[in-house]
Amino acid sequence: MDNNAVIAMEISFNILYLIVIWGMVIAMFRKLSQVQISDQVVGKGFLWAFFLLALGDTGHVGFRVWAYALGDISSTINLFGIPIGLVGVGALSTAYTVTLFYMLMLVIWKQRTNKAYTWFGWLLFILAGFRLVLMALPGNEWNSVVPPQPMSLYRNALLTAQGLGVAYLILRDARADKDTLFTKIGIFILLSYAFYIPVILFVQKAPMIGMLMIPKTLMYVAIAWLAYKQIFSSQASQSA
């Protein structure tokens, strides 16, 4: 595919995605007061989780669009006289917010299932804490367009362990409880990592593999839509 066509497709997808995900966050916020009392904590958890995801991705994909608008993906801006790479700082923003996203998903799992945190749940919180600290180290080279190795691998290994751990807990208990909504959510989390792991491992050598971030991102949109339809929508409230 022609490089200009790839860029045009990425820009179009990024803009559409931000419109959709922010639309979902706004819709959740507007409908929160209509959520059943028993689902209020879960509903607030989803609202905050997707607010953080949308906020981080506004930096991530939004700054990529900005960089392309300036003429090059490696474009920088000056902040107090310091050159800041738009793509890098965008990646930094989503790196922090997606970590918090999965911490909130763990809280949502606990509330939905009425389970206590075991050693495994606390381990997932600890992994998230390690990742937050690791991302603050200078070896991350956040101004780089292509994430540096091995730091990128380390920080994304922690995120993968965190995300897959959350998916395991959700699927384990949702299947036992015959909870269709959370079974689907767990499956979509697994699918998101099926697309994401090749990017982590090979994007430095094959940048085009980064296009797998598109279906990976669509998995999060699917989770937001499922949560909205089953917890926030008027149909869900009437059927409860």
Foldseek 3Di string as FASTA:
>chain_A
DDPVVVLVVLLVLLVVLLVLLVVLLVLLVVLLVLFDPLCNLLSVLLSLLSVLQSVLSCQQSVLCNVQVVVPHSLDWDADVNDTAGSNLVSVLSNLLSNLVSLLSLLVSLCSVQVDDDDPLSVVLVVLSVVLVVLSVDCQQVSSDNQTDPDSLVVSVVSVVSSLLSSLVSQCVRCVVVVPVLSVLLSVLSVVLVVLVVCCSVPCVPPVVSVVSNSSSSVSVSVNSVSCCVCGRDPVNSVVD
